[in-house]
Amino acid sequence: MSNTYKYFSRLSCYNFRNNPQRFLVFLTKRLNAEKYLFSDGISEIRVEIDRDKFPMTTINEKTKIKITGEVEKEFLQSPEIDVDFVEIIR
């Protein structure tokens, strides 16, 4: 895995499938029990975080978070990140 963080806006330019990537993000909106909308400061993307991987600490739109996961893209849909690891940056 690369030591650099990616921007969501670059996802369409590269093939990240089956290759975990890291992003520094902020929570924008909770969509349902395991789906969220996150922003990297430039653009937004849907993110899936299993309940057992979501931090127990309360987070809001000002909390900086590092997520690591695989980018998934279905035909005719926008990319989504399936998160493997979440870390709150202090």
PDB file of N, CA and C in Angstrom:
ATOM      1  N   MET A   1       0.833  -1.173   0.000  1.00  0.00           N
ATOM      2  CA  MET A   1       0.000   0.000   0.000  1.00  0.00           C
ATOM      3  C   MET A   1       0.881   1.239   0.000  1.00  0.00           C
ATOM      4  N   SER A   2       0.455   2.209  -0.763  1.00  0.00           N
ATOM      5  CA  SER A   2       1.186   3.462  -0.859  1.00  0.00           C
ATOM      6  C   SER A   2       1.154   4.225   0.460  1.00  0.00           C
ATOM      7  N   ASN A   3       2.205   4.994   0.758  1.00  0.00           N
ATOM      8  CA  ASN A   3       2.255   5.809   1.969  1.00  0.00           C
ATOM      9  C   ASN A   3       1.573   7.152   1.791  1.00  0.00           C
ATOM     10  N   THR A   4       1.110   7.458   0.589  1.00  0.00           N
ATOM     11  CA  THR A   4       0.464   8.739   0.342  1.00  0.00           C
ATOM     12  C   THR A   4      -1.049   8.591   0.415  1.00  0.00           C
ATOM     13  N   TYR A   5      -1.710   9.711   0.704  1.00  0.00           N
ATOM     14  CA  TYR A   5      -3.166   9.732   0.740  1.00  0.00           C
ATOM     15  C   TYR A   5      -3.692  10.136  -0.624  1.00  0.00           C
ATOM     16  N   LYS A   6      -4.827   9.567  -0.996  1.00  0.00           N
ATOM     17  CA  LYS A   6      -5.444   9.846  -2.293  1.00  0.00           C
ATOM     18  C   LYS A   6      -6.571  10.864  -2.125  1.00  0.00           C
ATOM     19  N   TYR A   7      -6.917  11.531  -3.215  1.00  0.00           N
ATOM     20  CA  TYR A   7      -8.074  12.412  -3.267  1.00  0.00           C
ATOM     21  C   TYR A   7      -9.174  11.714  -4.055  1.00  0.00           C
ATOM     22  N   PHE A   8     -10.413  11.885  -3.624  1.00  0.00           N
ATOM     23  CA  PHE A   8     -11.536  11.253  -4.296  1.00  0.00           C
ATOM     24  C   PHE A   8     -11.614  11.643  -5.760  1.00  0.00           C
ATOM     25  N   SER A   9     -11.285  12.881  -6.065  1.00  0.00           N
ATOM     26  CA  SER A   9     -11.391  13.366  -7.441  1.00  0.00           C
ATOM     27  C   SER A   9     -10.464  12.611  -8.391  1.00  0.00           C
ATOM     28  N   ARG A  10      -9.467  11.938  -7.873  1.00  0.00           N
ATOM     29  CA  ARG A  10      -8.523  11.171  -8.702  1.00  0.00           C
ATOM     30  C   ARG A  10      -8.975   9.734  -8.942  1.00  0.00           C
ATOM     31  N   LEU A  11     -10.064   9.300  -8.317  1.00  0.00           N
ATOM     32  CA  LEU A  11     -10.470   7.906  -8.416  1.00  0.00           C
ATOM     33  C   LEU A  11     -10.787   7.471  -9.833  1.00  0.00           C
ATOM     34  N   SER A  12     -11.361   8.341 -10.631  1.00  0.00           N
ATOM     35  CA  SER A  12     -11.707   7.956 -11.991  1.00  0.00           C
ATOM     36  C   SER A  12     -10.477   7.855 -12.891  1.00  0.00           C
ATOM     37  N   CYS A  13      -9.352   8.367 -12.432  1.00  0.00           N
ATOM     38  CA  CYS A  13      -8.138   8.379 -13.251  1.00  0.00           C
ATOM     39  C   CYS A  13      -7.280   7.125 -13.067  1.00  0.00           C
ATOM     40  N   TYR A  14      -7.518   6.376 -12.011  1.00  0.00           N
ATOM     41  CA  TYR A  14      -6.660   5.249 -11.686  1.00  0.00           C
ATOM     42  C   TYR A  14      -7.476   3.996 -11.438  1.00  0.00           C
ATOM     43  N   ASN A  15      -6.834   2.863 -11.536  1.00  0.00           N
ATOM     44  CA  ASN A  15      -7.494   1.596 -11.231  1.00  0.00           C
ATOM     45  C   ASN A  15      -7.088   1.172  -9.826  1.00  0.00           C
ATOM     46  N   PHE A  16      -7.935   1.436  -8.839  1.00  0.00           N
ATOM     47  CA  PHE A  16      -7.639   1.112  -7.450  1.00  0.00           C
ATOM     48  C   PHE A  16      -8.283  -0.191  -7.001  1.00  0.00           C
ATOM     49  N   ARG A  17      -9.007  -0.838  -7.864  1.00  0.00           N
ATOM     50  CA  ARG A  17      -9.753  -2.042  -7.488  1.00  0.00           C
ATOM     51  C   ARG A  17      -8.819  -3.094  -6.870  1.00  0.00           C
ATOM     52  N   ASN A  18      -9.268  -3.680  -5.755  1.00  0.00           N
ATOM     53  CA  ASN A  18      -8.513  -4.715  -5.029  1.00  0.00           C
ATOM     54  C   ASN A  18      -7.143  -4.238  -4.563  1.00  0.00           C
ATOM     55  N   ASN A  19      -7.024  -2.948  -4.330  1.00  0.00           N
ATOM     56  CA  ASN A  19      -5.768  -2.371  -3.879  1.00  0.00           C
ATOM     57  C   ASN A  19      -6.103  -1.322  -2.820  1.00  0.00           C
ATOM     58  N   PRO A  20      -5.969  -1.642  -1.531  1.00  0.00           N
ATOM     59  CA  PRO A  20      -6.364  -0.698  -0.472  1.00  0.00           C
ATOM     60  C   PRO A  20      -5.674   0.658  -0.608  1.00  0.00           C
ATOM     61  N   GLN A  21      -6.450   1.702  -0.394  1.00  0.00           N
ATOM     62  CA  GLN A  21      -5.965   3.074  -0.472  1.00  0.00           C
ATOM     63  C   GLN A  21      -6.285   3.787   0.829  1.00  0.00           C
ATOM     64  N   ARG A  22      -5.548   4.869   1.108  1.00  0.00           N
ATOM     65  CA  ARG A  22      -5.779   5.654   2.327  1.00  0.00           C
ATOM     66  C   ARG A  22      -6.263   7.048   1.952  1.00  0.00           C
ATOM     67  N   PHE A  23      -7.216   7.539   2.751  1.00  0.00           N
ATOM     68  CA  PHE A  23      -7.803   8.852   2.525  1.00  0.00           C
ATOM     69  C   PHE A  23      -7.909   9.591   3.851  1.00  0.00           C
ATOM     70  N   LEU A  24      -7.626  10.884   3.863  1.00  0.00           N
ATOM     71  CA  LEU A  24      -7.906  11.757   5.011  1.00  0.00           C
ATOM     72  C   LEU A  24      -9.222  12.453   4.702  1.00  0.00           C
ATOM     73  N   VAL A  25     -10.224  12.268   5.573  1.00  0.00           N
ATOM     74  CA  VAL A  25     -11.577  12.702   5.242  1.00  0.00           C
ATOM     75  C   VAL A  25     -12.291  13.322   6.435  1.00  0.00           C
ATOM     76  N   PHE A  26     -13.429  13.922   6.131  1.00  0.00           N
ATOM     77  CA  PHE A  26     -14.345  14.462   7.125  1.00  0.00           C
ATOM     78  C   PHE A  26     -15.741  13.924   6.821  1.00  0.00           C
ATOM     79  N   LEU A  27     -16.483  13.565   7.857  1.00  0.00           N
ATOM     80  CA  LEU A  27     -17.849  13.077   7.701  1.00  0.00           C
ATOM     81  C   LEU A  27     -18.739  14.209   7.208  1.00  0.00           C
ATOM     82  N   THR A  28     -19.511  13.929   6.176  1.00  0.00           N
ATOM     83  CA  THR A  28     -20.467  14.903   5.658  1.00  0.00           C
ATOM     84  C   THR A  28     -21.883  14.539   6.087  1.00  0.00           C
ATOM     85  N   LYS A  29     -22.219  13.229   5.946  1.00  0.00           N
ATOM     86  CA  LYS A  29     -23.595  12.817   6.204  1.00  0.00           C
ATOM     87  C   LYS A  29     -23.662  11.305   6.409  1.00  0.00           C
ATOM     88  N   ARG A  30     -24.522  10.871   7.318  1.00  0.00           N
ATOM     89  CA  ARG A  30     -24.810   9.441   7.475  1.00  0.00           C
ATOM     90  C   ARG A  30     -25.981   9.126   6.559  1.00  0.00           C
ATOM     91  N   LEU A  31     -25.819   8.131   5.682  1.00  0.00           N
ATOM     92  CA  LEU A  31     -26.857   7.771   4.721  1.00  0.00           C
ATOM     93  C   LEU A  31     -27.762   6.664   5.247  1.00  0.00           C
ATOM     94  N   ASN A  32     -27.180   5.671   5.907  1.00  0.00           N
ATOM     95  CA  ASN A  32     -27.931   4.604   6.580  1.00  0.00           C
ATOM     96  C   ASN A  32     -27.013   3.937   7.587  1.00  0.00           C
ATOM     97  N   ALA A  33     -27.354   2.747   8.058  1.00  0.00           N
ATOM     98  CA  ALA A  33     -26.613   2.107   9.153  1.00  0.00           C
ATOM     99  C   ALA A  33     -25.121   1.942   8.872  1.00  0.00           C
ATOM    100  N   GLU A  34     -24.735   1.658   7.629  1.00  0.00           N
ATOM    101  CA  GLU A  34     -23.328   1.419   7.317  1.00  0.00           C
ATOM    102  C   GLU A  34     -22.815   2.244   6.136  1.00  0.00           C
ATOM    103  N   LYS A  35     -23.608   3.152   5.629  1.00  0.00           N
ATOM    104  CA  LYS A  35     -23.200   3.991   4.492  1.00  0.00           C
ATOM    105  C   LYS A  35     -23.121   5.438   4.943  1.00  0.00           C
ATOM    106  N   TYR A  36     -22.057   6.099   4.505  1.00  0.00           N
ATOM    107  CA  TYR A  36     -21.795   7.486   4.885  1.00  0.00           C
ATOM    108  C   TYR A  36     -21.331   8.251   3.664  1.00  0.00           C
ATOM    109  N   LEU A  37     -21.411   9.556   3.755  1.00  0.00           N
ATOM    110  CA  LEU A  37     -20.852  10.431   2.737  1.00  0.00           C
ATOM    111  C   LEU A  37     -19.692  11.166   3.399  1.00  0.00           C
ATOM    112  N   PHE A  38     -18.513  11.072   2.805  1.00  0.00           N
ATOM    113  CA  PHE A  38     -17.320  11.723   3.334  1.00  0.00           C
ATOM    114  C   PHE A  38     -16.761  12.690   2.305  1.00  0.00           C
ATOM    115  N   SER A  39     -16.066  13.712   2.800  1.00  0.00           N
ATOM    116  CA  SER A  39     -15.412  14.692   1.948  1.00  0.00           C
ATOM    117  C   SER A  39     -13.911  14.686   2.240  1.00  0.00           C
ATOM    118  N   ASP A  40     -13.123  14.848   1.178  1.00  0.00           N
ATOM    119  CA  ASP A  40     -11.670  15.001   1.345  1.00  0.00           C
ATOM    120  C   ASP A  40     -11.276  16.462   1.224  1.00  0.00           C
ATOM    121  N   GLY A  41     -12.263  17.362   1.235  1.00  0.00           N
ATOM    122  CA  GLY A  41     -12.007  18.791   1.087  1.00  0.00           C
ATOM    123  C   GLY A  41     -12.131  19.268  -0.347  1.00  0.00           C
ATOM    124  N   ILE A  42     -12.170  18.321  -1.290  1.00  0.00           N
ATOM    125  CA  ILE A  42     -12.298  18.656  -2.704  1.00  0.00           C
ATOM    126  C   ILE A  42     -13.601  18.095  -3.265  1.00  0.00           C
ATOM    127  N   SER A  43     -13.883  16.848  -2.969  1.00  0.00           N
ATOM    128  CA  SER A  43     -15.101  16.201  -3.455  1.00  0.00           C
ATOM    129  C   SER A  43     -15.617  15.221  -2.403  1.00  0.00           C
ATOM    130  N   GLU A  44     -16.754  14.600  -2.683  1.00  0.00           N
ATOM    131  CA  GLU A  44     -17.387  13.678  -1.752  1.00  0.00           C
ATOM    132  C   GLU A  44     -17.519  12.295  -2.386  1.00  0.00           C
ATOM    133  N   ILE A  45     -17.626  11.277  -1.522  1.00  0.00           N
ATOM    134  CA  ILE A  45     -17.809   9.905  -1.993  1.00  0.00           C
ATOM    135  C   ILE A  45     -18.562   9.112  -0.939  1.00  0.00           C
ATOM    136  N   ARG A  46     -19.321   8.120  -1.418  1.00  0.00           N
ATOM    137  CA  ARG A  46     -19.993   7.185  -0.512  1.00  0.00           C
ATOM    138  C   ARG A  46     -18.975   6.223   0.073  1.00  0.00           C
ATOM    139  N   VAL A  47     -19.167   5.925   1.335  1.00  0.00           N
ATOM    140  CA  VAL A  47     -18.250   5.038   2.043  1.00  0.00           C
ATOM    141  C   VAL A  47     -19.072   4.029   2.830  1.00  0.00           C
ATOM    142  N   GLU A  48     -18.669   2.773   2.783  1.00  0.00           N
ATOM    143  CA  GLU A  48     -19.324   1.739   3.584  1.00  0.00           C
ATOM    144  C   GLU A  48     -18.391   1.331   4.718  1.00  0.00           C
ATOM    145  N   ILE A  49     -18.884   1.477   5.944  1.00  0.00           N
ATOM    146  CA  ILE A  49     -18.105   1.104   7.128  1.00  0.00           C
ATOM    147  C   ILE A  49     -18.954   0.161   7.966  1.00  0.00           C
ATOM    148  N   ASP A  50     -18.495  -1.068   8.138  1.00  0.00           N
ATOM    149  CA  ASP A  50     -19.207  -2.017   8.987  1.00  0.00           C
ATOM    150  C   ASP A  50     -19.265  -1.485  10.411  1.00  0.00           C
ATOM    151  N   ARG A  51     -20.338  -1.783  11.104  1.00  0.00           N
ATOM    152  CA  ARG A  51     -20.534  -1.270  12.464  1.00  0.00           C
ATOM    153  C   ARG A  51     -19.377  -1.617  13.392  1.00  0.00           C
ATOM    154  N   ASP A  52     -18.807  -2.804  13.234  1.00  0.00           N
ATOM    155  CA  ASP A  52     -17.712  -3.212  14.121  1.00  0.00           C
ATOM    156  C   ASP A  52     -16.406  -2.474  13.826  1.00  0.00           C
ATOM    157  N   LYS A  53     -16.338  -1.761  12.708  1.00  0.00           N
ATOM    158  CA  LYS A  53     -15.132  -1.005  12.356  1.00  0.00           C
ATOM    159  C   LYS A  53     -15.291   0.493  12.615  1.00  0.00           C
ATOM    160  N   PHE A  54     -16.517   0.929  12.869  1.00  0.00           N
ATOM    161  CA  PHE A  54     -16.758   2.355  13.093  1.00  0.00           C
ATOM    162  C   PHE A  54     -16.302   2.728  14.495  1.00  0.00           C
ATOM    163  N   PRO A  55     -15.622   3.863  14.657  1.00  0.00           N
ATOM    164  CA  PRO A  55     -15.097   4.252  15.969  1.00  0.00           C
ATOM    165  C   PRO A  55     -16.208   4.445  17.002  1.00  0.00           C
ATOM    166  N   MET A  56     -15.909   4.088  18.242  1.00  0.00           N
ATOM    167  CA  MET A  56     -16.857   4.279  19.337  1.00  0.00           C
ATOM    168  C   MET A  56     -16.937   5.750  19.731  1.00  0.00           C
ATOM    169  N   THR A  57     -15.914   6.524  19.398  1.00  0.00           N
ATOM    170  CA  THR A  57     -15.862   7.949  19.698  1.00  0.00           C
ATOM    171  C   THR A  57     -16.845   8.700  18.804  1.00  0.00           C
ATOM    172  N   THR A  58     -17.520   9.686  19.345  1.00  0.00           N
ATOM    173  CA  THR A  58     -18.418  10.518  18.557  1.00  0.00           C
ATOM    174  C   THR A  58     -17.612  11.342  17.565  1.00  0.00           C
ATOM    175  N   ILE A  59     -18.075  11.358  16.321  1.00  0.00           N
ATOM    176  CA  ILE A  59     -17.405  12.161  15.303  1.00  0.00           C
ATOM    177  C   ILE A  59     -18.417  13.122  14.689  1.00  0.00           C
ATOM    178  N   ASN A  60     -17.912  14.223  14.141  1.00  0.00           N
ATOM    179  CA  ASN A  60     -18.764  15.181  13.449  1.00  0.00           C
ATOM    180  C   ASN A  60     -18.023  15.690  12.219  1.00  0.00           C
ATOM    181  N   GLU A  61     -18.551  16.733  11.588  1.00  0.00           N
ATOM    182  CA  GLU A  61     -17.972  17.241  10.337  1.00  0.00           C
ATOM    183  C   GLU A  61     -16.614  17.898  10.506  1.00  0.00           C
ATOM    184  N   LYS A  62     -16.184  18.117  11.747  1.00  0.00           N
ATOM    185  CA  LYS A  62     -14.876  18.724  11.995  1.00  0.00           C
ATOM    186  C   LYS A  62     -13.822  17.699  12.414  1.00  0.00           C
ATOM    187  N   THR A  63     -14.232  16.450  12.589  1.00  0.00           N
ATOM    188  CA  THR A  63     -13.317  15.393  13.011  1.00  0.00           C
ATOM    189  C   THR A  63     -12.551  14.865  11.805  1.00  0.00           C
ATOM    190  N   LYS A  64     -11.230  14.946  11.843  1.00  0.00           N
ATOM    191  CA  LYS A  64     -10.403  14.412  10.752  1.00  0.00           C
ATOM    192  C   LYS A  64     -10.240  12.911  10.965  1.00  0.00           C
ATOM    193  N   ILE A  65     -10.482  12.162   9.897  1.00  0.00           N
ATOM    194  CA  ILE A  65     -10.474  10.702   9.970  1.00  0.00           C
ATOM    195  C   ILE A  65      -9.603  10.145   8.855  1.00  0.00           C
ATOM    196  N   LYS A  66      -8.851   9.113   9.171  1.00  0.00           N
ATOM    197  CA  LYS A  66      -8.099   8.381   8.145  1.00  0.00           C
ATOM    198  C   LYS A  66      -8.861   7.089   7.892  1.00  0.00           C
ATOM    199  N   ILE A  67      -9.237   6.858   6.640  1.00  0.00           N
ATOM    200  CA  ILE A  67      -9.875   5.596   6.281  1.00  0.00           C
ATOM    201  C   ILE A  67      -8.978   4.845   5.307  1.00  0.00           C
ATOM    202  N   THR A  68      -8.965   3.539   5.460  1.00  0.00           N
ATOM    203  CA  THR A  68      -8.225   2.668   4.558  1.00  0.00           C
ATOM    204  C   THR A  68      -9.206   1.638   4.027  1.00  0.00           C
ATOM    205  N   GLY A  69      -9.262   1.496   2.721  1.00  0.00           N
ATOM    206  CA  GLY A  69     -10.186   0.536   2.148  1.00  0.00           C
ATOM    207  C   GLY A  69     -10.040   0.436   0.649  1.00  0.00           C
ATOM    208  N   GLU A  70     -10.823  -0.473   0.091  1.00  0.00           N
ATOM    209  CA  GLU A  70     -10.783  -0.719  -1.340  1.00  0.00           C
ATOM    210  C   GLU A  70     -11.875   0.074  -2.041  1.00  0.00           C
ATOM    211  N   VAL A  71     -11.520   0.602  -3.181  1.00  0.00           N
ATOM    212  CA  VAL A  71     -12.476   1.331  -4.000  1.00  0.00           C
ATOM    213  C   VAL A  71     -13.260   0.320  -4.819  1.00  0.00           C
ATOM    214  N   GLU A  72     -14.589   0.440  -4.755  1.00  0.00           N
ATOM    215  CA  GLU A  72     -15.455  -0.434  -5.545  1.00  0.00           C
ATOM    216  C   GLU A  72     -16.228   0.434  -6.521  1.00  0.00           C
ATOM    217  N   LYS A  73     -16.385  -0.060  -7.734  1.00  0.00           N
ATOM    218  CA  LYS A  73     -17.150   0.683  -8.733  1.00  0.00           C
ATOM    219  C   LYS A  73     -17.966  -0.307  -9.545  1.00  0.00           C
ATOM    220  N   GLU A  74     -19.269  -0.182  -9.445  1.00  0.00           N
ATOM    221  CA  GLU A  74     -20.180  -0.995 -10.243  1.00  0.00           C
ATOM    222  C   GLU A  74     -20.499  -0.253 -11.534  1.00  0.00           C
ATOM    223  N   PHE A  75     -20.899  -0.971 -12.527  1.00  0.00           N
ATOM    224  CA  PHE A  75     -21.235  -0.391 -13.826  1.00  0.00           C
ATOM    225  C   PHE A  75     -22.302   0.689 -13.665  1.00  0.00           C
ATOM    226  N   LEU A  76     -22.061   1.854 -14.245  1.00  0.00           N
ATOM    227  CA  LEU A  76     -22.959   3.011 -14.229  1.00  0.00           C
ATOM    228  C   LEU A  76     -23.213   3.587 -12.835  1.00  0.00           C
ATOM    229  N   GLN A  77     -22.355   3.302 -11.885  1.00  0.00           N
ATOM    230  CA  GLN A  77     -22.472   3.883 -10.549  1.00  0.00           C
ATOM    231  C   GLN A  77     -21.185   4.613 -10.203  1.00  0.00           C
ATOM    232  N   SER A  78     -21.310   5.552  -9.284  1.00  0.00           N
ATOM    233  CA  SER A  78     -20.117   6.265  -8.834  1.00  0.00           C
ATOM    234  C   SER A  78     -19.316   5.363  -7.898  1.00  0.00           C
ATOM    235  N   PRO A  79     -18.018   5.616  -7.759  1.00  0.00           N
ATOM    236  CA  PRO A  79     -17.185   4.783  -6.882  1.00  0.00           C
ATOM    237  C   PRO A  79     -17.646   4.862  -5.424  1.00  0.00           C
ATOM    238  N   GLU A  80     -17.348   3.809  -4.690  1.00  0.00           N
ATOM    239  CA  GLU A  80     -17.638   3.729  -3.256  1.00  0.00           C
ATOM    240  C   GLU A  80     -16.433   3.073  -2.600  1.00  0.00           C
ATOM    241  N   ILE A  81     -16.152   3.439  -1.364  1.00  0.00           N
ATOM    242  CA  ILE A  81     -15.031   2.843  -0.647  1.00  0.00           C
ATOM    243  C   ILE A  81     -15.570   1.872   0.394  1.00  0.00           C
ATOM    244  N   ASP A  82     -15.097   0.638   0.346  1.00  0.00           N
ATOM    245  CA  ASP A  82     -15.418  -0.368   1.351  1.00  0.00           C
ATOM    246  C   ASP A  82     -14.286  -0.331   2.369  1.00  0.00           C
ATOM    247  N   VAL A  83     -14.562   0.220   3.538  1.00  0.00           N
ATOM    248  CA  VAL A  83     -13.528   0.534   4.518  1.00  0.00           C
ATOM    249  C   VAL A  83     -13.114  -0.683   5.334  1.00  0.00           C
ATOM    250  N   ASP A  84     -11.804  -0.871   5.459  1.00  0.00           N
ATOM    251  CA  ASP A  84     -11.226  -1.928   6.281  1.00  0.00           C
ATOM    252  C   ASP A  84     -10.777  -1.409   7.640  1.00  0.00           C
ATOM    253  N   PHE A  85     -10.395  -0.112   7.694  1.00  0.00           N
ATOM    254  CA  PHE A  85      -9.824   0.447   8.924  1.00  0.00           C
ATOM    255  C   PHE A  85     -10.166   1.926   9.018  1.00  0.00           C
ATOM    256  N   VAL A  86     -10.535   2.351  10.239  1.00  0.00           N
ATOM    257  CA  VAL A  86     -10.864   3.755  10.507  1.00  0.00           C
ATOM    258  C   VAL A  86     -10.030   4.232  11.678  1.00  0.00           C
ATOM    259  N   GLU A  87      -9.418   5.416  11.547  1.00  0.00           N
ATOM    260  CA  GLU A  87      -8.638   5.989  12.629  1.00  0.00           C
ATOM    261  C   GLU A  87      -8.948   7.484  12.754  1.00  0.00           C
ATOM    262  N   ILE A  88      -9.261   7.924  13.964  1.00  0.00           N
ATOM    263  CA  ILE A  88      -9.482   9.332  14.205  1.00  0.00           C
ATOM    264  C   ILE A  88      -8.131  10.005  14.378  1.00  0.00           C
ATOM    265  N   ILE A  89      -7.916  11.102  13.631  1.00  0.00           N
ATOM    266  CA  ILE A  89      -6.656  11.846  13.687  1.00  0.00           C
ATOM    267  C   ILE A  89      -6.823  12.970  14.693  1.00  0.00           C
ATOM    268  N   ARG A  90      -5.942  13.032  15.661  1.00  0.00           N
ATOM    269  CA  ARG A  90      -6.010  14.075  16.702  1.00  0.00           C
ATOM    270  C   ARG A  90      -4.900  15.074  16.523  1.00  0.00           C
TER     271      ARG A  90
END
